Amino acid sequence: MSDNFDIFNLGVEDVETHQPQQTTVNEVYKPTADDGKDGTYKALIRFVPNPENPRKSLIQKYVHWLTNSSGDGKLVDSPQTIGEHCPIADVFWKLRKSDSAVDRKSSEKLKRRQQYYSLIKIIKDPQNPELEGSYKVFKFGYKIKEKIDSELKPDFGEPTQVFDLFEGKNFELVITRQGEYNNYDKSKFSSNTSAILMGDSPAERNKETMASIKEELDAAPSLATYDYKAWDEDTRAFVNNVLRMYLNPGDSIAEVTATPASKQAPAKAEPAPAKTEPAVAAATATKTEEAPAKANTDDDLDSFLNDLNL
């Protein structure tokens, strides 16, 4: 990985994809199948580099959605994102391994989820044409992360840095409904590389155009808002309050979560599971889990664009 790079010169290894607040809702692009026509949402988007730190163009973190006894919910980042000990995980496994069916069911409320965020430019979105040309934070799951990884590190052929502004690829977003969940199997990167669109034309690599792109990116939402956040005192108090709900009388959180230093596993975030779990956006209790992957059926970009004229 080179030390000298910028948003206009990205290599395939110049974006960290393996590790690692209140936000403005309209910053986040998280369409669902139900938002589309006849249960299918289609859009053409472009992943773009993070102008604040190109290597952090893809944010990955583990989270827990917790609800206290008063019904108040809070999205909490898991310290396991950065390889640190997480007391929520300790209580989760205590419940999951219990002989009690009630405990095992309760563990679901402490389950860890995985979330990904990147900046995108919305090229075409017939469902919301007012968004076309704007930059948003795209919140997505492991299925789309796999598609990014397949471009950066393909099993065969040459890698493509999909975040590259001039030699990246557009992403054909297709969301369908499979059972209760959103399915992204038909989503794919375009076959050919291209420059990002500025207006109706591909951007040219010249000083004037690059200045315009930089100006647009500087005005885009900040990805840092969505990166891992260590717990402050209020969050720690909230977590402790929630965990006490799941402990037996006489148990203490310290006893349940204590891990002797000699037995602690190396600090390392686990890879995402192959089967994506419900996205926590949720907190609204909307069902955003992705369904199991199926084989893609590819159409060329022209056909895809024609289909967007809903």
Protein backbone atom coordinates (compact mmCIF):
# COMPACT_ATOMS: atom_id res chain seq x y z
CA MET A 1 0.00 0.00 0.00
CA SER A 2 1.47 3.31 -1.02
CA ASP A 3 1.92 6.10 1.49
CA ASN A 4 1.42 8.86 -1.06
CA PHE A 5 -1.98 8.85 -2.66
CA ASP A 6 -5.06 10.98 -3.03
CA ILE A 7 -8.65 10.59 -4.11
CA PHE A 8 -7.61 10.78 -7.76
CA ASN A 9 -4.99 8.04 -7.57
CA LEU A 10 -6.28 4.99 -5.72
CA GLY A 11 -4.74 1.54 -5.91
CA VAL A 12 -6.73 -1.62 -5.24
CA GLU A 13 -5.15 -1.85 -1.77
CA ASP A 14 -5.71 1.79 -0.85
CA VAL A 15 -9.09 1.25 0.78
CA GLU A 16 -9.30 -0.60 4.09
CA THR A 17 -12.07 -3.18 3.79
CA HIS A 18 -11.05 -5.60 6.53
CA GLN A 19 -11.50 -3.64 9.75
CA PRO A 20 -12.52 -0.83 10.97
CA GLN A 21 -23.56 9.88 16.79
CA GLN A 22 -26.17 10.87 15.95
CA THR A 23 -26.62 11.24 12.24
CA THR A 24 -28.81 13.13 9.84
CA VAL A 25 -31.35 10.69 8.43
CA ASN A 26 -31.42 12.21 4.95
CA GLU A 27 -27.65 11.69 4.67
CA VAL A 28 -28.15 7.94 4.53
CA TYR A 29 -29.18 6.09 1.38
CA LYS A 30 -30.91 2.88 2.44
CA PRO A 31 -33.70 2.05 -0.02
CA THR A 32 -35.75 -1.13 0.33
CA ALA A 33 -37.60 -3.33 -2.12
CA ASP A 34 -40.88 -1.92 -0.84
CA ASP A 35 -39.78 1.56 -1.94
CA GLY A 36 -39.55 0.43 -5.58
CA LYS A 37 -42.03 -0.31 -8.33
CA ASP A 38 -43.77 -3.67 -8.02
CA GLY A 39 -41.50 -4.67 -5.15
CA THR A 40 -38.20 -4.00 -6.95
CA TYR A 41 -35.97 -0.99 -6.34
CA LYS A 42 -33.48 -0.06 -9.07
CA ALA A 43 -30.82 2.64 -9.11
CA LEU A 44 -27.41 3.32 -10.60
CA ILE A 45 -24.85 4.51 -8.04
CA ARG A 46 -21.12 5.12 -7.90
CA PHE A 47 -18.88 4.38 -4.92
CA VAL A 48 -16.55 7.33 -4.32
CA PRO A 49 -13.49 7.79 -2.09
CA ASN A 50 -13.72 9.38 1.32
CA PRO A 51 -12.15 12.85 0.88
CA GLU A 52 -11.23 12.99 4.58
CA ASN A 53 -9.30 9.72 4.42
CA PRO A 54 -9.38 7.67 1.17
CA ARG A 55 -8.21 4.54 2.99
CA LYS A 56 -11.36 4.75 5.10
CA SER A 57 -13.66 4.81 2.09
CA LEU A 58 -15.44 1.76 3.48
CA ILE A 59 -16.47 1.83 7.12
CA GLN A 60 -17.05 -1.55 8.77
CA LYS A 61 -18.18 -2.06 12.32
CA TYR A 62 -20.07 -4.37 14.64
CA VAL A 63 -23.08 -2.98 16.50
CA HIS A 64 -25.72 -4.00 19.04
CA TRP A 65 -29.23 -2.61 19.22
CA LEU A 66 -30.11 -2.53 22.90
CA THR A 67 -33.40 -1.75 24.62
CA ASN A 68 -33.65 -0.98 28.32
CA SER A 69 -36.47 -1.77 30.73
CA SER A 70 -38.18 1.52 29.88
CA GLY A 71 -38.31 0.61 26.21
CA ASP A 72 -35.65 3.14 25.23
CA GLY A 73 -33.39 1.89 22.44
CA LYS A 74 -29.82 2.74 21.60
CA LEU A 75 -27.44 1.62 18.85
CA VAL A 76 -24.11 0.75 20.47
CA ASP A 77 -20.87 0.11 18.63
CA SER A 78 -19.15 -3.11 19.67
CA PRO A 79 -15.57 -2.83 20.94
CA GLN A 80 -14.94 -6.07 19.04
CA THR A 81 -14.80 -3.84 15.95
CA ILE A 82 -11.30 -2.87 17.04
CA GLY A 83 -10.47 -6.20 18.66
CA GLU A 84 -11.30 -5.22 22.22
CA HIS A 85 -13.31 -7.06 24.87
CA CYS A 86 -17.10 -6.57 24.71
CA PRO A 87 -19.22 -7.28 27.82
CA ILE A 88 -22.35 -7.47 25.67
CA ALA A 89 -20.85 -10.43 23.84
CA ASP A 90 -20.06 -12.09 27.18
CA VAL A 91 -23.67 -11.91 28.33
CA PHE A 92 -24.89 -12.94 24.86
CA TRP A 93 -22.87 -16.16 25.01
CA LYS A 94 -23.86 -16.81 28.63
CA LEU A 95 -27.50 -16.75 27.53
CA ARG A 96 -26.93 -18.56 24.23
CA LYS A 97 -25.20 -21.50 25.98
CA SER A 98 -27.78 -21.69 28.76
CA ASP A 99 -29.91 -24.81 29.31
CA SER A 100 -32.91 -22.51 29.50
CA ALA A 101 -34.89 -22.00 26.28
CA VAL A 102 -36.00 -18.63 27.62
CA ASP A 103 -32.37 -17.53 28.05
CA ARG A 104 -31.44 -18.73 24.57
CA LYS A 105 -34.31 -16.76 23.07
CA SER A 106 -33.37 -13.68 25.11
CA SER A 107 -29.84 -13.82 23.67
CA GLU A 108 -31.26 -12.71 20.32
CA LYS A 109 -31.79 -9.26 21.80
CA LEU A 110 -28.04 -8.93 22.37
CA LYS A 111 -26.88 -10.32 19.04
CA ARG A 112 -24.07 -8.52 17.27
CA ARG A 113 -24.76 -7.14 13.79
CA GLN A 114 -22.37 -5.97 11.11
CA GLN A 115 -22.78 -2.72 9.22
CA TYR A 116 -20.97 -1.10 6.31
CA TYR A 117 -20.97 2.49 5.11
CA SER A 118 -19.48 4.21 2.05
CA LEU A 119 -19.96 7.46 0.20
CA ILE A 120 -21.80 7.18 -3.10
CA LYS A 121 -22.95 9.45 -5.88
CA ILE A 122 -26.46 8.67 -7.06
CA ILE A 123 -26.33 8.58 -10.86
CA LYS A 124 -29.90 7.54 -11.61
CA ASP A 125 -32.82 6.79 -9.31
CA PRO A 126 -36.26 6.78 -10.96
CA GLN A 127 -37.98 6.27 -7.62
CA ASN A 128 -36.38 9.44 -6.23
CA PRO A 129 -35.14 11.50 -9.19
CA GLU A 130 -34.52 14.49 -6.92
CA LEU A 131 -31.57 12.55 -5.46
CA GLU A 132 -29.77 12.17 -8.80
CA GLY A 133 -26.39 13.86 -8.75
CA SER A 134 -26.26 14.01 -4.96
CA TYR A 135 -23.78 12.34 -2.60
CA LYS A 136 -25.08 10.16 0.21
CA VAL A 137 -23.81 7.74 2.81
CA PHE A 138 -24.77 4.27 1.58
CA LYS A 139 -25.56 1.82 4.36
CA PHE A 140 -25.32 -1.79 3.24
CA GLY A 141 -24.74 -5.36 4.34
CA TYR A 142 -22.35 -8.19 3.74
CA LYS A 143 -23.78 -9.24 0.36
CA ILE A 144 -22.76 -5.95 -1.25
CA LYS A 145 -19.47 -5.98 0.68
CA GLU A 146 -18.75 -9.34 -0.99
CA LYS A 147 -19.34 -7.79 -4.40
CA ILE A 148 -16.87 -5.00 -3.59
CA ASP A 149 -14.30 -7.54 -2.40
CA SER A 150 -14.76 -9.56 -5.59
CA GLU A 151 -13.76 -6.51 -7.63
CA LEU A 152 -10.82 -5.56 -5.41
CA LYS A 153 -9.52 -9.12 -5.09
CA PRO A 154 -11.06 -11.27 -7.84
CA ASP A 155 -10.42 -14.99 -8.06
CA PHE A 156 -9.55 -14.49 -11.72
CA GLY A 157 -8.67 -11.51 -13.87
CA GLU A 158 -7.41 -8.07 -13.00
CA PRO A 159 -8.60 -6.24 -9.86
CA THR A 160 -10.62 -3.05 -10.12
CA GLN A 161 -10.52 -0.26 -7.57
CA VAL A 162 -14.25 0.47 -7.59
CA PHE A 163 -13.74 3.67 -5.60
CA ASP A 164 -11.53 5.13 -8.36
CA LEU A 165 -13.10 8.26 -9.82
CA PHE A 166 -11.78 7.68 -13.34
CA GLU A 167 -11.26 3.94 -13.62
CA GLY A 168 -13.87 2.60 -11.21
CA LYS A 169 -17.23 1.04 -12.01
CA ASN A 170 -20.84 2.07 -11.61
CA PHE A 171 -22.95 -0.16 -9.40
CA GLU A 172 -26.32 -1.39 -10.60
CA LEU A 173 -28.38 -1.57 -7.43
CA VAL A 174 -31.34 -3.95 -7.65
CA ILE A 175 -33.28 -4.73 -4.48
CA THR A 176 -35.98 -7.36 -4.46
CA ARG A 177 -38.01 -8.96 -1.73
CA GLN A 178 -37.28 -12.54 -0.70
CA GLY A 179 -39.59 -13.58 2.07
CA GLU A 180 -39.32 -10.96 4.78
CA TYR A 181 -35.96 -9.66 3.68
CA ASN A 182 -34.35 -7.40 1.11
CA ASN A 183 -32.33 -9.33 -1.46
CA TYR A 184 -29.39 -7.92 -3.42
CA ASP A 185 -28.50 -10.91 -5.60
CA LYS A 186 -29.23 -9.08 -8.85
CA SER A 187 -27.11 -6.08 -7.90
CA LYS A 188 -23.75 -5.94 -9.64
CA PHE A 189 -20.94 -3.74 -10.83
CA SER A 190 -20.98 -2.73 -14.49
CA SER A 191 -18.79 -4.84 -16.74
CA ASN A 192 -16.54 -1.99 -17.88
CA THR A 193 -14.64 0.69 -16.00
CA SER A 194 -15.55 4.31 -16.58
CA ALA A 195 -15.07 7.79 -15.20
CA ILE A 196 -17.63 9.17 -12.80
CA LEU A 197 -20.36 11.21 -14.46
CA MET A 198 -20.28 14.96 -14.05
CA GLY A 199 -23.62 16.08 -15.34
CA ASP A 200 -24.35 13.88 -18.33
CA SER A 201 -20.72 13.34 -19.37
CA PRO A 202 -17.87 11.22 -18.00
CA ALA A 203 -15.37 13.29 -16.04
CA GLU A 204 -12.11 14.16 -17.75
CA ARG A 205 -8.84 13.91 -15.87
CA ASN A 206 -7.85 17.56 -15.94
CA LYS A 207 -7.20 20.18 -13.31
CA GLU A 208 -10.53 21.96 -13.71
CA THR A 209 -12.66 18.81 -13.51
CA MET A 210 -10.70 17.44 -10.58
CA ALA A 211 -11.22 20.71 -8.72
CA SER A 212 -14.98 20.44 -9.35
CA ILE A 213 -15.06 16.85 -8.10
CA LYS A 214 -13.10 17.75 -4.99
CA GLU A 215 -15.48 20.60 -4.28
CA GLU A 216 -18.45 18.23 -4.53
CA LEU A 217 -16.82 15.61 -2.31
CA ASP A 218 -15.84 18.17 0.30
CA ALA A 219 -19.53 19.09 0.58
CA ALA A 220 -20.60 15.43 0.93
CA PRO A 221 -21.65 13.95 4.30
CA SER A 222 -18.80 12.99 6.59
CA LEU A 223 -18.13 9.25 6.81
CA ALA A 224 -16.30 9.79 10.09
CA THR A 225 -19.71 10.22 11.73
CA TYR A 226 -20.42 6.54 11.04
CA ASP A 227 -17.07 5.10 12.11
CA TYR A 228 -16.57 3.17 15.34
CA LYS A 229 -17.15 5.24 18.49
CA ALA A 230 -15.74 4.24 21.86
CA TRP A 231 -18.26 4.21 24.69
CA ASP A 232 -18.62 7.37 26.72
CA GLU A 233 -19.88 7.32 30.31
CA ASP A 234 -23.54 7.59 29.29
CA THR A 235 -23.24 4.70 26.83
CA ARG A 236 -21.41 2.54 29.36
CA ALA A 237 -24.10 3.23 31.95
CA PHE A 238 -26.82 2.38 29.44
CA VAL A 239 -25.10 -0.89 28.49
CA ASN A 240 -24.66 -1.91 32.14
CA ASN A 241 -28.31 -1.10 32.81
CA VAL A 242 -29.42 -3.31 29.91
CA LEU A 243 -27.14 -6.20 30.81
CA ARG A 244 -28.47 -6.31 34.36
CA MET A 245 -31.85 -7.23 32.88
CA TYR A 246 -30.39 -10.52 31.67
CA LEU A 247 -28.43 -11.55 34.76
CA ASN A 248 -29.60 -13.85 37.52
CA PRO A 249 -30.12 -12.38 41.00
CA GLY A 250 -26.77 -12.21 42.72
CA ASP A 251 -24.78 -12.12 39.50
CA SER A 252 -22.66 -9.07 38.79
CA ILE A 253 -21.67 -7.81 35.39
CA ALA A 254 -18.04 -7.91 36.40
CA GLU A 255 -18.31 -11.62 37.26
CA VAL A 256 -20.14 -12.52 34.08
CA THR A 257 -17.85 -10.59 31.78
CA ALA A 258 -14.55 -11.19 33.54
CA THR A 259 -11.98 -12.83 31.27
CA PRO A 260 -8.59 -13.68 32.77
CA ALA A 261 -5.84 -11.96 30.84
CA SER A 262 -4.13 -15.31 30.26
CA LYS A 263 -7.24 -16.65 28.53
CA GLN A 264 -8.16 -13.68 26.42
CA ALA A 265 -8.12 -14.36 22.71
CA PRO A 266 -5.98 -12.14 20.49
CA ALA A 267 -7.72 -8.87 19.78
CA LYS A 268 -9.08 -9.38 16.34
CA ALA A 269 -12.44 -8.62 14.78
CA GLU A 270 -14.15 -11.68 13.39
CA PRO A 271 -15.03 -11.88 9.68
CA ALA A 272 -18.63 -11.24 8.77
CA PRO A 273 -20.86 -14.31 8.66
CA ALA A 274 -21.85 -15.61 5.28
CA LYS A 275 -25.50 -15.22 6.22
CA THR A 276 -26.30 -11.57 6.81
CA GLU A 277 -28.35 -10.71 9.84
CA PRO A 278 -31.00 -8.01 10.14
CA ALA A 279 -29.58 -4.53 9.74
CA VAL A 280 -30.17 -2.55 12.81
CA ALA A 281 -31.37 0.62 11.15
CA ALA A 282 -33.61 -0.14 12.62
CA ALA A 283 -34.03 0.42 15.58
CA THR A 284 -37.36 1.05 14.00
CA ALA A 285 -37.89 -2.66 13.92
CA THR A 286 -38.12 -2.64 10.16
CA LYS A 287 -36.94 -5.88 8.58
CA THR A 288 -33.80 -5.13 6.65
CA GLU A 289 -32.04 -8.47 6.78
CA GLU A 290 -30.61 -9.65 3.52
CA ALA A 291 -31.69 -13.00 2.13
CA PRO A 292 -29.23 -15.75 1.14
CA ALA A 293 -27.36 -15.16 -2.08
CA LYS A 294 -28.30 -16.70 -5.41
CA ALA A 295 -26.56 -16.66 -8.75
CA ASN A 296 -26.74 -13.37 -10.62
CA THR A 297 -28.26 -13.02 -14.05
CA ASP A 298 -26.33 -10.28 -15.81
CA ASP A 299 -27.65 -7.63 -18.16
CA ASP A 300 -25.44 -5.10 -19.84
CA LEU A 301 -25.41 -1.52 -18.61
CA ASP A 302 -27.49 -0.20 -21.50
CA SER A 303 -30.22 -2.69 -20.75
CA PHE A 304 -30.06 -1.81 -17.07
CA LEU A 305 -30.39 1.90 -17.81
CA ASN A 306 -33.36 1.22 -20.08
CA ASP A 307 -35.01 -0.73 -17.29
CA LEU A 308 -34.59 2.26 -14.99
CA ASN A 309 -37.14 4.19 -17.03
CA LEU A 310 -39.91 2.93 -14.82
